[in-house]
């Protein structure tokens, strides 16, 4: 029995979704495999930009260093006003390159604002808090977030007494990013209208 055009389109869409799901699973697995060997090494430093809660977005760096001087870097770009973890990166590089090239480039990209050191427990609390806040608003964090979070390991990190307040002026605040289209922005605003109600959030397009 021949398929109708509508059935063909439905079947093609299902195949595309299946490939996308498999691709995400493969990406997550590959990232886990890259990170796992570094979990036996101690933390080197965890950093956040001092102006994170003034600008709303910033790069949180979590690093571990091997006895041979190889640094494993996990980078989380987080939006503390609304969207949670927007982008992640994992890479390894020699300690001198991290100190002289990579870290200065990250600081420069934040307008040369100084970065503050965090305890690993506080870095984890800050990141997961942003993710939970975004989830309450109806947003999912980056597809590789859960894999990258394994950089913290399974050992107890101790307590973090710092308190982090998400949103801006006690409300969610969406600021359109350079990589977000008008359609993306409109969909984000629609999600906020649904989760918060009109007038209960800020936005800047």
C-alpha atoms as a PDB file:
ATOM      1  CA  UNK A   1       0.000   0.000   0.000  1.00  0.00           C
ATOM      2  CA  UNK A   2       1.507   3.316  -1.102  1.00  0.00           C
ATOM      3  CA  UNK A   3       2.150   5.961   1.560  1.00  0.00           C
ATOM      4  CA  UNK A   4       0.370   9.286   1.267  1.00  0.00           C
ATOM      5  CA  UNK A   5       2.474  12.471   1.150  1.00  0.00           C
ATOM      6  CA  UNK A   6       1.446  13.257   4.748  1.00  0.00           C
ATOM      7  CA  UNK A   7       2.551   9.796   5.911  1.00  0.00           C
ATOM      8  CA  UNK A   8       5.874  10.193   4.099  1.00  0.00           C
ATOM      9  CA  UNK A   9       6.496  13.533   5.795  1.00  0.00           C
ATOM     10  CA  UNK A  10       5.598  12.061   9.191  1.00  0.00           C
ATOM     11  CA  UNK A  11       7.970   9.127   8.642  1.00  0.00           C
ATOM     12  CA  UNK A  12      10.789  11.442   7.530  1.00  0.00           C
ATOM     13  CA  UNK A  13      10.233  13.616  10.614  1.00  0.00           C
ATOM     14  CA  UNK A  14      10.391  10.557  12.908  1.00  0.00           C
ATOM     15  CA  UNK A  15      13.680   9.451  11.292  1.00  0.00           C
ATOM     16  CA  UNK A  16      15.127  12.939  11.716  1.00  0.00           C
ATOM     17  CA  UNK A  17      14.118  13.038  15.397  1.00  0.00           C
ATOM     18  CA  UNK A  18      15.639   9.594  15.959  1.00  0.00           C
ATOM     19  CA  UNK A  19      18.939  10.660  14.340  1.00  0.00           C
ATOM     20  CA  UNK A  20      18.961  13.832  16.450  1.00  0.00           C
ATOM     21  CA  UNK A  21      18.389  11.832  19.661  1.00  0.00           C
ATOM     22  CA  UNK A  22      21.167   9.384  18.739  1.00  0.00           C
ATOM     23  CA  UNK A  23      23.515  12.265  17.917  1.00  0.00           C
ATOM     24  CA  UNK A  24      22.859  13.904  21.305  1.00  0.00           C
ATOM     25  CA  UNK A  25      23.441  10.588  23.092  1.00  0.00           C
ATOM     26  CA  UNK A  26      26.711  10.035  21.208  1.00  0.00           C
ATOM     27  CA  UNK A  27      27.868  13.582  21.970  1.00  0.00           C
ATOM     28  CA  UNK A  28      27.127  13.145  25.684  1.00  0.00           C
ATOM     29  CA  UNK A  29      28.904   9.776  25.795  1.00  0.00           C
ATOM     30  CA  UNK A  30      32.004  11.116  24.035  1.00  0.00           C
ATOM     31  CA  UNK A  31      32.194  14.010  26.472  1.00  0.00           C
ATOM     32  CA  UNK A  32      31.920  11.658  29.455  1.00  0.00           C
ATOM     33  CA  UNK A  33      34.739   9.531  28.063  1.00  0.00           C
ATOM     34  CA  UNK A  34      36.949  12.609  27.708  1.00  0.00           C
ATOM     35  CA  UNK A  35      36.271  13.858  31.236  1.00  0.00           C
ATOM     36  CA  UNK A  36      36.448  10.604  33.222  1.00  0.00           C
ATOM     37  CA  UNK A  37      40.263  10.124  33.164  1.00  0.00           C
ATOM     38  CA  UNK A  38      40.715  13.567  34.745  1.00  0.00           C
ATOM     39  CA  UNK A  39      38.467  12.977  37.750  1.00  0.00           C
ATOM     40  CA  UNK A  40      41.310  11.399  39.723  1.00  0.00           C
ATOM     41  CA  UNK A  41      43.217  14.698  39.559  1.00  0.00           C
ATOM     42  CA  UNK A  42      42.699  17.496  42.115  1.00  0.00           C
ATOM     43  CA  UNK A  43      40.864  20.715  41.382  1.00  0.00           C
ATOM     44  CA  UNK A  44      43.155  23.500  40.229  1.00  0.00           C
ATOM     45  CA  UNK A  45      40.756  26.435  40.451  1.00  0.00           C
ATOM     46  CA  UNK A  46      37.125  27.397  39.910  1.00  0.00           C
ATOM     47  CA  UNK A  47      36.483  30.898  38.613  1.00  0.00           C
ATOM     48  CA  UNK A  48      33.558  33.248  37.998  1.00  0.00           C
ATOM     49  CA  UNK A  49      33.470  36.844  36.691  1.00  0.00           C
ATOM     50  CA  UNK A  50      32.997  39.377  39.476  1.00  0.00           C
ATOM     51  CA  UNK A  51      30.240  41.117  37.522  1.00  0.00           C
ATOM     52  CA  UNK A  52      28.221  37.958  36.767  1.00  0.00           C
ATOM     53  CA  UNK A  53      25.056  39.102  38.530  1.00  0.00           C
ATOM     54  CA  UNK A  54      25.356  42.640  37.112  1.00  0.00           C
ATOM     55  CA  UNK A  55      25.782  41.514  33.499  1.00  0.00           C
ATOM     56  CA  UNK A  56      23.522  38.457  33.801  1.00  0.00           C
ATOM     57  CA  UNK A  57      25.763  36.123  31.824  1.00  0.00           C
ATOM     58  CA  UNK A  58      29.293  34.827  32.245  1.00  0.00           C
ATOM     59  CA  UNK A  59      31.760  32.004  31.948  1.00  0.00           C
ATOM     60  CA  UNK A  60      32.311  29.695  34.918  1.00  0.00           C
ATOM     61  CA  UNK A  61      35.598  27.781  34.667  1.00  0.00           C
ATOM     62  CA  UNK A  62      36.195  24.512  36.517  1.00  0.00           C
ATOM     63  CA  UNK A  63      39.707  23.095  36.212  1.00  0.00           C
ATOM     64  CA  UNK A  64      41.635  20.041  37.356  1.00  0.00           C
ATOM     65  CA  UNK A  65      45.372  19.515  36.923  1.00  0.00           C
ATOM     66  CA  UNK A  66      47.369  16.313  36.517  1.00  0.00           C
ATOM     67  CA  UNK A  67      50.772  15.634  38.129  1.00  0.00           C
ATOM     68  CA  UNK A  68      52.243  16.131  34.635  1.00  0.00           C
ATOM     69  CA  UNK A  69      50.786  19.656  34.418  1.00  0.00           C
ATOM     70  CA  UNK A  70      47.896  18.974  32.048  1.00  0.00           C
ATOM     71  CA  UNK A  71      44.840  21.099  32.820  1.00  0.00           C
ATOM     72  CA  UNK A  72      41.320  19.856  32.104  1.00  0.00           C
ATOM     73  CA  UNK A  73      38.998  22.821  31.625  1.00  0.00           C
ATOM     74  CA  UNK A  74      35.215  22.682  31.849  1.00  0.00           C
ATOM     75  CA  UNK A  75      33.577  25.925  30.792  1.00  0.00           C
ATOM     76  CA  UNK A  76      29.918  26.701  31.528  1.00  0.00           C
ATOM     77  CA  UNK A  77      28.447  29.857  30.019  1.00  0.00           C
ATOM     78  CA  UNK A  78      25.522  30.581  32.305  1.00  0.00           C
ATOM     79  CA  UNK A  79      22.657  33.045  32.160  1.00  0.00           C
ATOM     80  CA  UNK A  80      21.726  33.773  35.777  1.00  0.00           C
ATOM     81  CA  UNK A  81      18.808  35.994  34.735  1.00  0.00           C
ATOM     82  CA  UNK A  82      16.779  33.453  32.793  1.00  0.00           C
ATOM     83  CA  UNK A  83      18.139  30.685  30.564  1.00  0.00           C
ATOM     84  CA  UNK A  84      20.570  28.660  32.712  1.00  0.00           C
ATOM     85  CA  UNK A  85      23.520  26.969  30.979  1.00  0.00           C
ATOM     86  CA  UNK A  86      23.637  28.263  27.398  1.00  0.00           C
ATOM     87  CA  UNK A  87      26.913  26.766  26.195  1.00  0.00           C
ATOM     88  CA  UNK A  88      29.568  24.321  27.407  1.00  0.00           C
ATOM     89  CA  UNK A  89      33.146  23.534  26.448  1.00  0.00           C
ATOM     90  CA  UNK A  90      35.682  20.945  27.526  1.00  0.00           C
ATOM     91  CA  UNK A  91      39.335  20.967  26.580  1.00  0.00           C
ATOM     92  CA  UNK A  92      42.755  19.984  27.909  1.00  0.00           C
ATOM     93  CA  UNK A  93      45.944  21.991  27.615  1.00  0.00           C
ATOM     94  CA  UNK A  94      49.322  22.452  29.328  1.00  0.00           C
ATOM     95  CA  UNK A  95      49.272  24.551  32.504  1.00  0.00           C
ATOM     96  CA  UNK A  96      51.447  27.371  31.055  1.00  0.00           C
ATOM     97  CA  UNK A  97      49.113  27.692  28.053  1.00  0.00           C
ATOM     98  CA  UNK A  98      46.096  27.795  30.360  1.00  0.00           C
ATOM     99  CA  UNK A  99      47.645  30.537  32.506  1.00  0.00           C
ATOM    100  CA  UNK A 100      49.214  32.632  29.728  1.00  0.00           C
ATOM    101  CA  UNK A 101      46.760  32.218  26.846  1.00  0.00           C
ATOM    102  CA  UNK A 102      43.420  30.569  27.629  1.00  0.00           C
ATOM    103  CA  UNK A 103      42.519  32.221  30.938  1.00  0.00           C
ATOM    104  CA  UNK A 104      43.572  35.734  29.828  1.00  0.00           C
ATOM    105  CA  UNK A 105      41.463  35.347  26.662  1.00  0.00           C
ATOM    106  CA  UNK A 106      38.413  34.415  28.742  1.00  0.00           C
ATOM    107  CA  UNK A 107      38.940  37.413  31.043  1.00  0.00           C
ATOM    108  CA  UNK A 108      39.385  39.693  28.024  1.00  0.00           C
ATOM    109  CA  UNK A 109      36.107  38.416  26.539  1.00  0.00           C
ATOM    110  CA  UNK A 110      34.382  39.639  29.711  1.00  0.00           C
ATOM    111  CA  UNK A 111      35.619  43.186  29.220  1.00  0.00           C
ATOM    112  CA  UNK A 112      38.676  42.537  31.409  1.00  0.00           C
ATOM    113  CA  UNK A 113      36.514  42.319  34.522  1.00  0.00           C
ATOM    114  CA  UNK A 114      38.428  40.405  37.197  1.00  0.00           C
ATOM    115  CA  UNK A 115      37.443  36.826  38.003  1.00  0.00           C
ATOM    116  CA  UNK A 116      36.962  35.550  41.543  1.00  0.00           C
ATOM    117  CA  UNK A 117      37.960  32.129  42.820  1.00  0.00           C
ATOM    118  CA  UNK A 118      35.222  29.850  44.119  1.00  0.00           C
ATOM    119  CA  UNK A 119      35.248  26.702  46.174  1.00  0.00           C
ATOM    120  CA  UNK A 120      34.174  23.741  44.007  1.00  0.00           C
ATOM    121  CA  UNK A 121      31.064  23.360  46.190  1.00  0.00           C
ATOM    122  CA  UNK A 122      30.082  26.974  45.489  1.00  0.00           C
ATOM    123  CA  UNK A 123      30.769  26.657  41.764  1.00  0.00           C
ATOM    124  CA  UNK A 124      28.497  23.609  41.629  1.00  0.00           C
ATOM    125  CA  UNK A 125      25.813  25.381  43.666  1.00  0.00           C
ATOM    126  CA  UNK A 126      25.978  28.433  41.392  1.00  0.00           C
ATOM    127  CA  UNK A 127      25.672  26.408  38.181  1.00  0.00           C
ATOM    128  CA  UNK A 128      22.955  24.004  39.337  1.00  0.00           C
ATOM    129  CA  UNK A 129      21.014  26.916  40.822  1.00  0.00           C
ATOM    130  CA  UNK A 130      20.973  28.654  37.430  1.00  0.00           C
ATOM    131  CA  UNK A 131      19.845  25.414  35.775  1.00  0.00           C
ATOM    132  CA  UNK A 132      17.036  24.892  38.307  1.00  0.00           C
ATOM    133  CA  UNK A 133      15.886  28.510  37.968  1.00  0.00           C
ATOM    134  CA  UNK A 134      15.729  28.183  34.171  1.00  0.00           C
ATOM    135  CA  UNK A 135      13.853  24.891  34.463  1.00  0.00           C
ATOM    136  CA  UNK A 136      11.186  26.518  36.651  1.00  0.00           C
ATOM    137  CA  UNK A 137      10.702  29.069  33.858  1.00  0.00           C
ATOM    138  CA  UNK A 138      10.318  26.361  31.213  1.00  0.00           C
ATOM    139  CA  UNK A 139      13.821  26.275  29.727  1.00  0.00           C
ATOM    140  CA  UNK A 140      16.214  23.375  29.244  1.00  0.00           C
ATOM    141  CA  UNK A 141      19.948  23.897  29.647  1.00  0.00           C
ATOM    142  CA  UNK A 142      22.534  22.912  27.047  1.00  0.00           C
ATOM    143  CA  UNK A 143      22.280  19.303  25.850  1.00  0.00           C
ATOM    144  CA  UNK A 144      25.807  18.469  27.147  1.00  0.00           C
ATOM    145  CA  UNK A 145      25.356  20.153  30.525  1.00  0.00           C
ATOM    146  CA  UNK A 146      24.817  16.927  32.492  1.00  0.00           C
ATOM    147  CA  UNK A 147      27.886  15.292  30.940  1.00  0.00           C
ATOM    148  CA  UNK A 148      30.104  18.301  31.628  1.00  0.00           C
ATOM    149  CA  UNK A 149      28.865  18.510  35.218  1.00  0.00           C
ATOM    150  CA  UNK A 150      30.662  15.215  35.903  1.00  0.00           C
ATOM    151  CA  UNK A 151      33.862  17.334  36.116  1.00  0.00           C
ATOM    152  CA  UNK A 152      32.873  17.863  39.765  1.00  0.00           C
ATOM    153  CA  UNK A 153      33.232  14.137  40.431  1.00  0.00           C
ATOM    154  CA  UNK A 154      31.300  12.084  42.948  1.00  0.00           C
ATOM    155  CA  UNK A 155      33.275  12.929  46.074  1.00  0.00           C
ATOM    156  CA  UNK A 156      31.708  15.205  48.674  1.00  0.00           C
ATOM    157  CA  UNK A 157      32.653  18.828  48.047  1.00  0.00           C
ATOM    158  CA  UNK A 158      31.703  20.206  51.451  1.00  0.00           C
ATOM    159  CA  UNK A 159      29.186  22.977  52.097  1.00  0.00           C
ATOM    160  CA  UNK A 160      28.816  26.296  50.352  1.00  0.00           C
ATOM    161  CA  UNK A 161      27.423  29.098  52.481  1.00  0.00           C
ATOM    162  CA  UNK A 162      27.115  31.595  49.632  1.00  0.00           C
ATOM    163  CA  UNK A 163      23.611  32.484  48.464  1.00  0.00           C
ATOM    164  CA  UNK A 164      22.919  33.206  44.819  1.00  0.00           C
ATOM    165  CA  UNK A 165      19.856  35.138  43.703  1.00  0.00           C
ATOM    166  CA  UNK A 166      18.769  34.557  40.123  1.00  0.00           C
ATOM    167  CA  UNK A 167      16.803  36.879  37.877  1.00  0.00           C
ATOM    168  CA  UNK A 168      17.042  40.664  37.998  1.00  0.00           C
ATOM    169  CA  UNK A 169      15.157  42.890  40.412  1.00  0.00           C
ATOM    170  CA  UNK A 170      13.359  39.789  41.726  1.00  0.00           C
ATOM    171  CA  UNK A 171      12.062  38.841  38.269  1.00  0.00           C
ATOM    172  CA  UNK A 172      13.297  36.735  35.352  1.00  0.00           C
ATOM    173  CA  UNK A 173      15.005  38.894  32.749  1.00  0.00           C
ATOM    174  CA  UNK A 174      15.629  37.855  29.154  1.00  0.00           C
ATOM    175  CA  UNK A 175      18.386  39.655  27.242  1.00  0.00           C
ATOM    176  CA  UNK A 176      18.586  38.637  23.580  1.00  0.00           C
ATOM    177  CA  UNK A 177      21.958  37.080  22.782  1.00  0.00           C
ATOM    178  CA  UNK A 178      23.923  37.620  19.547  1.00  0.00           C
ATOM    179  CA  UNK A 179      23.280  34.029  18.436  1.00  0.00           C
ATOM    180  CA  UNK A 180      19.530  34.154  19.018  1.00  0.00           C
ATOM    181  CA  UNK A 181      17.250  34.925  16.089  1.00  0.00           C
ATOM    182  CA  UNK A 182      14.096  37.012  16.297  1.00  0.00           C
ATOM    183  CA  UNK A 183      12.138  33.740  16.218  1.00  0.00           C
ATOM    184  CA  UNK A 184      14.211  32.372  19.129  1.00  0.00           C
ATOM    185  CA  UNK A 185      13.606  35.553  21.111  1.00  0.00           C
ATOM    186  CA  UNK A 186       9.865  35.495  20.452  1.00  0.00           C
ATOM    187  CA  UNK A 187       9.651  31.852  21.557  1.00  0.00           C
ATOM    188  CA  UNK A 188      11.552  32.643  24.763  1.00  0.00           C
ATOM    189  CA  UNK A 189       9.205  35.523  25.537  1.00  0.00           C
ATOM    190  CA  UNK A 190       6.175  33.286  24.876  1.00  0.00           C
ATOM    191  CA  UNK A 191       7.608  30.707  27.311  1.00  0.00           C
ATOM    192  CA  UNK A 192       8.069  33.413  29.962  1.00  0.00           C
ATOM    193  CA  UNK A 193       4.520  34.681  29.407  1.00  0.00           C
ATOM    194  CA  UNK A 194       3.254  31.144  29.945  1.00  0.00           C
ATOM    195  CA  UNK A 195       5.341  30.421  33.064  1.00  0.00           C
ATOM    196  CA  UNK A 196       5.312  33.853  34.700  1.00  0.00           C
ATOM    197  CA  UNK A 197       2.410  35.787  33.251  1.00  0.00           C
ATOM    198  CA  UNK A 198       2.567  39.092  31.412  1.00  0.00           C
ATOM    199  CA  UNK A 199       4.299  41.884  33.322  1.00  0.00           C
ATOM    200  CA  UNK A 200       6.139  39.485  35.616  1.00  0.00           C
ATOM    201  CA  UNK A 201       9.433  39.462  33.740  1.00  0.00           C
ATOM    202  CA  UNK A 202      11.777  41.877  31.992  1.00  0.00           C
ATOM    203  CA  UNK A 203      13.165  41.559  28.484  1.00  0.00           C
ATOM    204  CA  UNK A 204      15.627  43.457  26.303  1.00  0.00           C
ATOM    205  CA  UNK A 205      15.696  42.714  22.556  1.00  0.00           C
END
